[in-house]
Amino acid sequence: MTRPRPLVLALVPLLLSALSACKDNPDESDPAPSSVPFSIETRASAPPPEDLLRTTRTVELTEGQSAVLTFVTLRPPTDPEAPGATLEDTVTIRFAAGLDRGAAGVEVYDSTEARKRDFSFSLNTPDLPRGFAHTIEGMRPGEIRRAQIPWRLGYGENGRGEIPPSTDLIFAVELVSID
């Protein structure tokens, strides 16, 4: 049985106005709390703005099996010529992570707003959902993406902590820097 998949998009004007208040953090060792109310909003009936760049990326799971990751670029990078993040990089991001509840929408389970600080980590961290790392791969500082990560690229059939088994994830992420 196919699960319902509502169209999930962030409210672009809200994100853009909130992100305009962002400031670079001079002390990278202890990022300041983010002043950005970075959140996931769902509008199942709203069509995607035409100027958004929708991308799909096929990620190999095991030999002969793959899953499709879909993301939308909500804001282009500050410098389109800057090098993009690779899976070997350490990055600093702002994010909101949610569980795709189908017709019920998105339930946020983690965010930099809740943590009150930007998040720095290596993209090749083993506990990181593969779909999240592949969403950030290729991003440049200042860019914002919203991704729908299928459960096979998330926490799989076993789930993790409060994340139930076989649950699709929704991430909104801003790349602050490649460290």
Foldseek 3Di string as FASTA:
>chain_A
DDFADFDWDADLVLQVVQCVPFDDAPDPVFFAFTSGPAEGDGDRPDDDPPPKDKDKDWDAQDVPDIDIKIKIWSDAAPDNPDFADAQAFKFKKWKWKWWQPHPVGTHTDDTSNVVRGIDIDHSPPPQAQQSVSVVRGRGAAFIKMKIWAFQSSHVAQPADDVGHGRIIMIMIMGTHHTD
